[in-house]
Structure formats: C-alpha cells, structure tokens
N, C-alpha and C. Protein backbone atom coordinates (compact mmCIF):
# COMPACT_ATOMS: atom_id res chain seq x y z
N MET A 1 -9.86 -5.26 -5.70
CA MET A 1 -10.69 -5.68 -4.60
C MET A 1 -10.15 -5.13 -3.26
N LYS A 2 -8.82 -5.16 -3.13
CA LYS A 2 -8.21 -4.69 -1.88
C LYS A 2 -8.51 -3.22 -1.63
N ARG A 3 -8.31 -2.41 -2.65
CA ARG A 3 -8.55 -0.96 -2.47
C ARG A 3 -10.02 -0.68 -2.20
N ALA A 4 -10.91 -1.42 -2.86
CA ALA A 4 -12.35 -1.24 -2.62
C ALA A 4 -12.69 -1.63 -1.19
N ARG A 5 -12.12 -2.75 -0.73
CA ARG A 5 -12.38 -3.21 0.64
C ARG A 5 -11.83 -2.20 1.65
N GLN A 6 -10.61 -1.72 1.41
CA GLN A 6 -10.03 -0.76 2.34
C GLN A 6 -10.80 0.56 2.34
N GLY A 7 -11.29 0.95 1.18
CA GLY A 7 -12.14 2.14 1.12
C GLY A 7 -13.42 1.95 1.91
N GLU A 8 -13.98 0.76 1.83
CA GLU A 8 -15.20 0.46 2.58
C GLU A 8 -14.91 0.45 4.08
N ILE A 9 -13.75 -0.05 4.47
CA ILE A 9 -13.37 -0.05 5.89
C ILE A 9 -13.33 1.39 6.41
N LEU A 10 -12.71 2.27 5.63
CA LEU A 10 -12.65 3.68 6.04
C LEU A 10 -14.05 4.28 6.16
N SER A 11 -14.91 3.93 5.22
CA SER A 11 -16.29 4.41 5.26
C SER A 11 -17.01 3.90 6.51
N ILE A 12 -16.82 2.64 6.83
CA ILE A 12 -17.47 2.04 8.00
C ILE A 12 -17.03 2.73 9.28
N ILE A 13 -15.71 2.91 9.46
CA ILE A 13 -15.25 3.47 10.74
C ILE A 13 -15.59 4.95 10.87
N GLN A 14 -15.86 5.60 9.75
CA GLN A 14 -16.27 7.00 9.83
C GLN A 14 -17.75 7.13 10.16
N SER A 15 -18.54 6.10 9.84
CA SER A 15 -19.98 6.19 10.07
C SER A 15 -20.43 5.45 11.32
N LYS A 16 -19.61 4.54 11.85
CA LYS A 16 -20.00 3.74 13.03
C LYS A 16 -18.82 3.60 13.98
N ASP A 17 -19.14 3.37 15.23
CA ASP A 17 -18.11 3.03 16.20
C ASP A 17 -17.87 1.53 16.13
N VAL A 18 -16.71 1.14 15.66
CA VAL A 18 -16.34 -0.27 15.53
C VAL A 18 -15.22 -0.54 16.51
N GLU A 19 -15.48 -1.47 17.45
CA GLU A 19 -14.49 -1.76 18.49
C GLU A 19 -13.58 -2.93 18.16
N THR A 20 -14.07 -3.92 17.38
CA THR A 20 -13.30 -5.14 17.16
C THR A 20 -13.20 -5.47 15.68
N GLN A 21 -12.24 -6.32 15.36
CA GLN A 21 -12.10 -6.79 13.99
C GLN A 21 -13.31 -7.62 13.59
N GLU A 22 -13.88 -8.35 14.53
CA GLU A 22 -15.07 -9.15 14.25
C GLU A 22 -16.24 -8.26 13.82
N GLN A 23 -16.41 -7.14 14.51
CA GLN A 23 -17.47 -6.20 14.12
C GLN A 23 -17.20 -5.66 12.73
N LEU A 24 -15.96 -5.37 12.45
CA LEU A 24 -15.59 -4.86 11.14
C LEU A 24 -15.88 -5.90 10.06
N LEU A 25 -15.55 -7.15 10.34
CA LEU A 25 -15.83 -8.25 9.39
C LEU A 25 -17.33 -8.34 9.10
N GLU A 26 -18.15 -8.25 10.15
CA GLU A 26 -19.60 -8.33 9.99
C GLU A 26 -20.13 -7.17 9.15
N GLU A 27 -19.63 -5.98 9.41
CA GLU A 27 -20.04 -4.81 8.63
C GLU A 27 -19.66 -4.97 7.16
N LEU A 28 -18.45 -5.47 6.92
CA LEU A 28 -18.03 -5.69 5.54
C LEU A 28 -18.91 -6.72 4.86
N LYS A 29 -19.26 -7.79 5.59
CA LYS A 29 -20.13 -8.84 5.04
C LYS A 29 -21.48 -8.28 4.61
N THR A 30 -22.06 -7.41 5.46
CA THR A 30 -23.36 -6.84 5.13
C THR A 30 -23.28 -5.92 3.90
N ARG A 31 -22.07 -5.47 3.59
CA ARG A 31 -21.88 -4.59 2.43
C ARG A 31 -21.35 -5.35 1.22
N GLY A 32 -21.33 -6.67 1.32
CA GLY A 32 -20.96 -7.49 0.16
C GLY A 32 -19.49 -7.83 0.03
N PHE A 33 -18.70 -7.62 1.07
CA PHE A 33 -17.27 -7.93 1.03
C PHE A 33 -16.99 -9.16 1.87
N SER A 34 -16.26 -10.09 1.29
CA SER A 34 -15.86 -11.29 2.02
C SER A 34 -14.37 -11.18 2.34
N ALA A 35 -14.02 -11.40 3.60
CA ALA A 35 -12.62 -11.31 4.01
C ALA A 35 -12.40 -12.17 5.24
N THR A 36 -11.14 -12.46 5.52
CA THR A 36 -10.78 -13.20 6.73
C THR A 36 -10.28 -12.23 7.79
N GLN A 37 -10.17 -12.72 8.99
CA GLN A 37 -9.65 -11.88 10.08
C GLN A 37 -8.22 -11.46 9.78
N ALA A 38 -7.43 -12.35 9.20
CA ALA A 38 -6.04 -12.02 8.88
C ALA A 38 -5.97 -10.90 7.84
N THR A 39 -6.87 -10.94 6.87
CA THR A 39 -6.92 -9.89 5.84
C THR A 39 -7.29 -8.55 6.47
N ILE A 40 -8.28 -8.57 7.35
CA ILE A 40 -8.71 -7.35 8.03
C ILE A 40 -7.57 -6.79 8.88
N SER A 41 -6.85 -7.68 9.54
CA SER A 41 -5.72 -7.26 10.36
C SER A 41 -4.66 -6.55 9.50
N ARG A 42 -4.36 -7.11 8.33
CA ARG A 42 -3.39 -6.46 7.41
C ARG A 42 -3.93 -5.12 6.92
N ASP A 43 -5.23 -5.09 6.60
CA ASP A 43 -5.83 -3.83 6.14
C ASP A 43 -5.71 -2.75 7.22
N ILE A 44 -5.97 -3.11 8.45
CA ILE A 44 -5.88 -2.16 9.57
C ILE A 44 -4.47 -1.61 9.67
N LYS A 45 -3.49 -2.48 9.51
CA LYS A 45 -2.09 -2.06 9.58
C LYS A 45 -1.74 -1.15 8.40
N GLU A 46 -2.13 -1.55 7.19
CA GLU A 46 -1.82 -0.75 6.01
C GLU A 46 -2.51 0.61 6.02
N LEU A 47 -3.73 0.65 6.56
CA LEU A 47 -4.47 1.91 6.63
C LEU A 47 -4.04 2.76 7.82
N ARG A 48 -3.17 2.20 8.64
CA ARG A 48 -2.66 2.86 9.85
C ARG A 48 -3.79 3.28 10.78
N LEU A 49 -4.74 2.36 10.96
CA LEU A 49 -5.85 2.65 11.87
C LEU A 49 -5.38 2.48 13.30
N VAL A 50 -5.94 3.26 14.18
CA VAL A 50 -5.63 3.18 15.60
C VAL A 50 -6.93 3.03 16.37
N LYS A 51 -6.82 2.56 17.60
CA LYS A 51 -8.00 2.52 18.46
C LYS A 51 -7.94 3.75 19.35
N GLU A 52 -9.06 4.47 19.39
CA GLU A 52 -9.13 5.65 20.25
C GLU A 52 -10.23 5.45 21.28
N LEU A 53 -10.03 6.08 22.42
CA LEU A 53 -10.99 5.99 23.52
C LEU A 53 -12.12 6.97 23.28
N VAL A 54 -13.36 6.44 23.30
CA VAL A 54 -14.55 7.27 23.10
C VAL A 54 -15.65 6.78 24.04
N ASN A 55 -16.13 7.67 24.90
CA ASN A 55 -17.24 7.36 25.81
C ASN A 55 -17.03 6.05 26.57
N GLY A 56 -15.86 5.84 27.12
CA GLY A 56 -15.59 4.66 27.92
C GLY A 56 -15.31 3.41 27.12
N GLY A 57 -15.31 3.49 25.80
CA GLY A 57 -15.01 2.34 24.94
C GLY A 57 -13.99 2.74 23.89
N TYR A 58 -13.61 1.77 23.10
CA TYR A 58 -12.64 2.04 22.05
C TYR A 58 -13.29 1.88 20.68
N ARG A 59 -12.72 2.56 19.69
CA ARG A 59 -13.18 2.41 18.32
C ARG A 59 -12.01 2.64 17.39
N TYR A 60 -12.12 2.04 16.20
CA TYR A 60 -11.08 2.27 15.19
C TYR A 60 -11.23 3.66 14.60
N ALA A 61 -10.09 4.30 14.33
CA ALA A 61 -10.08 5.63 13.73
C ALA A 61 -8.82 5.75 12.88
N THR A 62 -8.82 6.71 11.98
CA THR A 62 -7.62 6.96 11.18
C THR A 62 -6.60 7.69 12.04
N SER A 63 -5.35 7.39 11.79
CA SER A 63 -4.27 8.01 12.56
C SER A 63 -4.05 9.43 12.08
N GLU A 64 -3.95 10.34 13.00
CA GLU A 64 -3.69 11.74 12.66
C GLU A 64 -2.22 12.10 12.86
N ARG A 65 -1.41 11.07 13.13
CA ARG A 65 0.01 11.33 13.39
C ARG A 65 0.72 11.82 12.15
N LYS A 66 1.69 12.66 12.38
CA LYS A 66 2.50 13.18 11.29
C LYS A 66 3.37 12.09 10.69
N GLY A 67 3.64 11.05 11.46
CA GLY A 67 4.50 9.97 11.00
C GLY A 67 4.04 9.31 9.73
N ALA A 68 2.75 9.29 9.46
CA ALA A 68 2.24 8.67 8.25
C ALA A 68 2.77 9.39 7.02
N SER A 69 2.79 10.72 7.03
CA SER A 69 3.31 11.44 5.87
C SER A 69 4.83 11.33 5.82
N ASP A 70 5.49 11.25 6.96
CA ASP A 70 6.93 11.07 6.99
C ASP A 70 7.32 9.73 6.38
N LEU A 71 6.48 8.72 6.57
CA LEU A 71 6.77 7.39 6.05
C LEU A 71 6.90 7.43 4.53
N GLU A 72 6.01 8.13 3.87
CA GLU A 72 6.08 8.20 2.41
C GLU A 72 7.40 8.83 1.98
N GLY A 73 7.83 9.87 2.65
CA GLY A 73 9.10 10.51 2.32
C GLY A 73 10.27 9.57 2.54
N ARG A 74 10.24 8.82 3.63
CA ARG A 74 11.32 7.86 3.89
C ARG A 74 11.34 6.77 2.84
N LEU A 75 10.13 6.30 2.45
CA LEU A 75 10.07 5.26 1.43
C LEU A 75 10.61 5.77 0.10
N ARG A 76 10.30 7.01 -0.23
CA ARG A 76 10.83 7.60 -1.47
C ARG A 76 12.36 7.68 -1.40
N ASN A 77 12.90 8.02 -0.23
CA ASN A 77 14.36 8.08 -0.07
C ASN A 77 14.99 6.71 -0.24
N ILE A 78 14.36 5.69 0.35
CA ILE A 78 14.85 4.32 0.19
C ILE A 78 14.90 3.97 -1.29
N PHE A 79 13.83 4.34 -1.99
CA PHE A 79 13.76 4.05 -3.41
C PHE A 79 14.88 4.77 -4.16
N LYS A 80 15.02 6.06 -3.89
CA LYS A 80 16.04 6.85 -4.59
C LYS A 80 17.44 6.34 -4.31
N GLU A 81 17.72 6.00 -3.06
CA GLU A 81 19.06 5.58 -2.67
C GLU A 81 19.38 4.14 -3.05
N GLY A 82 18.36 3.29 -3.14
CA GLY A 82 18.62 1.86 -3.35
C GLY A 82 18.50 1.38 -4.78
N VAL A 83 17.76 2.09 -5.62
CA VAL A 83 17.53 1.64 -7.00
C VAL A 83 18.69 2.07 -7.88
N THR A 84 19.21 1.10 -8.65
CA THR A 84 20.32 1.40 -9.56
C THR A 84 19.86 1.57 -11.00
N SER A 85 18.75 0.88 -11.38
CA SER A 85 18.23 1.05 -12.74
C SER A 85 16.81 0.50 -12.81
N VAL A 86 16.12 0.94 -13.85
CA VAL A 86 14.80 0.39 -14.16
C VAL A 86 14.76 0.11 -15.65
N ASP A 87 14.06 -0.95 -16.01
CA ASP A 87 13.94 -1.30 -17.42
C ASP A 87 12.52 -1.77 -17.67
N LEU A 88 12.15 -1.82 -18.92
CA LEU A 88 10.78 -2.10 -19.31
C LEU A 88 10.73 -3.30 -20.25
N ALA A 89 9.81 -4.20 -20.03
CA ALA A 89 9.54 -5.32 -20.93
C ALA A 89 8.03 -5.42 -21.07
N GLN A 90 7.48 -4.71 -22.03
CA GLN A 90 6.04 -4.58 -22.25
C GLN A 90 5.38 -4.02 -21.00
N ASN A 91 4.56 -4.81 -20.29
CA ASN A 91 3.87 -4.28 -19.10
C ASN A 91 4.59 -4.64 -17.80
N ILE A 92 5.82 -5.13 -17.90
CA ILE A 92 6.60 -5.51 -16.72
C ILE A 92 7.76 -4.54 -16.57
N VAL A 93 7.87 -3.97 -15.37
CA VAL A 93 8.98 -3.06 -15.07
C VAL A 93 9.96 -3.83 -14.18
N VAL A 94 11.21 -3.86 -14.60
CA VAL A 94 12.26 -4.53 -13.83
C VAL A 94 13.04 -3.46 -13.08
N VAL A 95 13.12 -3.61 -11.77
CA VAL A 95 13.79 -2.65 -10.90
C VAL A 95 15.04 -3.33 -10.32
N ARG A 96 16.19 -2.80 -10.66
CA ARG A 96 17.46 -3.32 -10.12
C ARG A 96 17.87 -2.44 -8.94
N THR A 97 18.32 -3.09 -7.88
CA THR A 97 18.71 -2.35 -6.68
C THR A 97 20.09 -2.80 -6.20
N MET A 98 20.57 -2.11 -5.19
CA MET A 98 21.77 -2.57 -4.51
C MET A 98 21.40 -3.87 -3.80
N PRO A 99 22.38 -4.75 -3.54
CA PRO A 99 22.08 -6.04 -2.92
C PRO A 99 21.27 -5.89 -1.62
N GLY A 100 20.21 -6.69 -1.53
CA GLY A 100 19.37 -6.72 -0.33
C GLY A 100 18.30 -5.65 -0.26
N LEU A 101 18.19 -4.77 -1.25
CA LEU A 101 17.26 -3.66 -1.15
C LEU A 101 16.03 -3.75 -2.07
N ALA A 102 15.90 -4.84 -2.82
CA ALA A 102 14.76 -4.95 -3.73
C ALA A 102 13.44 -4.97 -2.95
N SER A 103 13.42 -5.65 -1.84
CA SER A 103 12.19 -5.72 -1.03
C SER A 103 11.79 -4.33 -0.53
N ALA A 104 12.77 -3.56 -0.06
CA ALA A 104 12.47 -2.20 0.42
C ALA A 104 12.00 -1.31 -0.72
N ALA A 105 12.61 -1.44 -1.89
CA ALA A 105 12.21 -0.63 -3.03
C ALA A 105 10.78 -0.98 -3.46
N CYS A 106 10.47 -2.27 -3.53
CA CYS A 106 9.11 -2.68 -3.92
C CYS A 106 8.10 -2.26 -2.87
N SER A 107 8.47 -2.34 -1.62
CA SER A 107 7.57 -1.88 -0.56
C SER A 107 7.31 -0.39 -0.69
N ALA A 108 8.35 0.36 -1.00
CA ALA A 108 8.18 1.80 -1.20
C ALA A 108 7.22 2.06 -2.36
N LEU A 109 7.39 1.33 -3.44
CA LEU A 109 6.51 1.50 -4.60
C LEU A 109 5.07 1.11 -4.26
N ASP A 110 4.89 0.02 -3.54
CA ASP A 110 3.55 -0.41 -3.14
C ASP A 110 2.86 0.67 -2.32
N ASN A 111 3.60 1.31 -1.44
CA ASN A 111 3.02 2.32 -0.56
C ASN A 111 2.81 3.67 -1.23
N MET A 112 3.30 3.83 -2.44
CA MET A 112 3.08 5.06 -3.18
C MET A 112 1.74 5.03 -3.91
N HIS A 113 1.08 3.88 -3.96
CA HIS A 113 -0.23 3.72 -4.60
C HIS A 113 -0.23 4.30 -6.01
N ILE A 114 0.65 3.79 -6.82
CA ILE A 114 0.84 4.27 -8.19
C ILE A 114 -0.25 3.68 -9.08
N PRO A 115 -0.94 4.53 -9.84
CA PRO A 115 -1.97 4.02 -10.74
C PRO A 115 -1.37 3.06 -11.77
N GLY A 116 -2.05 1.96 -12.03
CA GLY A 116 -1.61 1.01 -13.04
C GLY A 116 -0.77 -0.12 -12.51
N VAL A 117 -0.31 -0.05 -11.25
CA VAL A 117 0.48 -1.14 -10.68
C VAL A 117 -0.47 -2.23 -10.21
N VAL A 118 -0.29 -3.43 -10.74
CA VAL A 118 -1.11 -4.56 -10.32
C VAL A 118 -0.49 -5.22 -9.09
N CYS A 119 0.82 -5.46 -9.15
CA CYS A 119 1.51 -6.04 -7.99
C CYS A 119 3.01 -5.89 -8.18
N SER A 120 3.73 -6.19 -7.11
CA SER A 120 5.19 -6.19 -7.18
C SER A 120 5.71 -7.50 -6.58
N LEU A 121 6.89 -7.87 -6.99
CA LEU A 121 7.54 -9.08 -6.49
C LEU A 121 9.02 -8.76 -6.35
N ALA A 122 9.61 -9.08 -5.19
CA ALA A 122 11.00 -8.70 -4.94
C ALA A 122 11.86 -9.91 -4.63
N GLY A 123 13.06 -9.87 -5.16
CA GLY A 123 14.09 -10.83 -4.81
C GLY A 123 15.12 -10.11 -3.95
N ASP A 124 16.40 -10.43 -4.13
CA ASP A 124 17.46 -9.79 -3.35
C ASP A 124 17.83 -8.43 -3.94
N ASP A 125 18.16 -8.41 -5.22
CA ASP A 125 18.58 -7.16 -5.84
C ASP A 125 17.77 -6.83 -7.09
N THR A 126 16.65 -7.52 -7.27
CA THR A 126 15.79 -7.28 -8.42
C THR A 126 14.33 -7.37 -7.99
N GLY A 127 13.56 -6.41 -8.44
CA GLY A 127 12.12 -6.44 -8.21
C GLY A 127 11.42 -6.29 -9.54
N ILE A 128 10.20 -6.81 -9.61
CA ILE A 128 9.41 -6.58 -10.81
C ILE A 128 8.06 -6.00 -10.41
N LEU A 129 7.58 -5.13 -11.27
CA LEU A 129 6.25 -4.56 -11.12
C LEU A 129 5.46 -5.01 -12.32
N ILE A 130 4.31 -5.58 -12.07
CA ILE A 130 3.43 -5.94 -13.17
C ILE A 130 2.42 -4.81 -13.29
N MET A 131 2.43 -4.19 -14.44
CA MET A 131 1.56 -3.05 -14.69
C MET A 131 0.31 -3.52 -15.43
N ARG A 132 -0.74 -2.74 -15.34
CA ARG A 132 -2.01 -3.09 -15.97
C ARG A 132 -1.89 -3.23 -17.48
N ASP A 133 -1.09 -2.36 -18.10
CA ASP A 133 -0.89 -2.43 -19.55
C ASP A 133 0.44 -1.76 -19.92
N ASN A 134 0.80 -1.85 -21.19
CA ASN A 134 2.08 -1.29 -21.65
C ASN A 134 2.15 0.22 -21.46
N ALA A 135 1.04 0.91 -21.71
CA ALA A 135 1.03 2.37 -21.58
C ALA A 135 1.29 2.79 -20.13
N ALA A 136 0.68 2.08 -19.17
CA ALA A 136 0.91 2.39 -17.76
C ALA A 136 2.37 2.16 -17.39
N ALA A 137 2.96 1.11 -17.94
CA ALA A 137 4.38 0.82 -17.67
C ALA A 137 5.28 1.93 -18.22
N GLU A 138 4.97 2.40 -19.42
CA GLU A 138 5.77 3.46 -20.02
C GLU A 138 5.66 4.77 -19.22
N ARG A 139 4.44 5.10 -18.79
CA ARG A 139 4.26 6.32 -17.97
C ARG A 139 5.03 6.18 -16.66
N PHE A 140 4.97 5.00 -16.07
CA PHE A 140 5.66 4.77 -14.80
C PHE A 140 7.17 4.92 -14.97
N ILE A 141 7.73 4.34 -16.02
CA ILE A 141 9.17 4.43 -16.27
C ILE A 141 9.60 5.89 -16.41
N GLN A 142 8.81 6.71 -17.10
CA GLN A 142 9.13 8.13 -17.25
C GLN A 142 9.18 8.82 -15.89
N GLU A 143 8.20 8.50 -15.03
CA GLU A 143 8.18 9.10 -13.69
C GLU A 143 9.36 8.63 -12.85
N VAL A 144 9.72 7.37 -12.96
CA VAL A 144 10.84 6.84 -12.19
C VAL A 144 12.14 7.52 -12.62
N HIS A 145 12.31 7.72 -13.89
CA HIS A 145 13.54 8.39 -14.35
C HIS A 145 13.62 9.82 -13.78
N LYS A 146 12.50 10.49 -13.67
CA LYS A 146 12.50 11.83 -13.05
C LYS A 146 12.86 11.73 -11.56
N LEU A 147 12.31 10.70 -10.88
CA LEU A 147 12.55 10.51 -9.45
C LEU A 147 14.02 10.18 -9.18
N LEU A 148 14.65 9.43 -10.06
CA LEU A 148 16.03 9.01 -9.84
C LEU A 148 17.06 10.08 -10.18
N LYS A 149 16.65 11.17 -10.82
CA LYS A 149 17.60 12.25 -11.16
C LYS A 149 18.03 13.01 -9.95
C-alpha cells in the first residue's frame, strides 16, 4: 500500500501543481487512497520531495540533488561496515551487527527497496527482515553475501 501511495503521490505532483499537504491528501482521496497528514509528511520525506518556486507560488517536486544518489552509497557503506553476519530462518533474515548499528543497517536495507522485503525490525545489534516467502529470503541472503565480500 505504501509503495502504491507513494507512486500515486509522484504521479500527482508531476501532473498538477500541489502547494500543500492538504491538497495532496485531497488528490489522494479522489484517487482512492486514504492517508493521514502524518503519513503524507513521512512520504514526502522518504520521496525527498522539495518545494520549488513556480509562477509566484510553490509546488512539490522531486529533488534533483545529487545527494539522493549519494545517500544510497552511504547507506550501503553503513551496511557493509556494520553487519557482522546474516542468517536465514525460513522467510526471516537475521542480521547481526556491531553494537548500536542494527537500526542503521535496517534503515539502509529499507532504503534499498529490495524486492520481497515486507518489513524490518531493529534492536541494538540484531535486526530482522521479514521476507514475502522463503525463496525471496534465500535470494536476498545470496545477494548479501556478495555485498559483504
């Protein structure tokens, strides 16, 4: 639902000038999506939307900054440097990290938009990824082992 909603947000801002979160909420409602202002605010942050000046007003737009692509590289580095091991238990992937880094590792994984990941949960030095099925978990583990080499 989140990815569909965020995709619809991108579609809306590309087709209309949207100045406020309230306008965005209304547009989503007319397209069959129900959300709160807090959810929209998180979506805007995750999508890295910015407000740009157009014809004396502002509108939401996608960020063209290079920093967005740099972020993915930094997150991958955090993952590579902080993860000590990964293990598999059916469709659950257990990620062990150095103390205090499980949250950063799970955040890095969340931002990689890996197919088959349903969600992640992080503690201090352990994170878990719940995968859609066992096959997705096995494919993910193979990729992680390549990444950690």
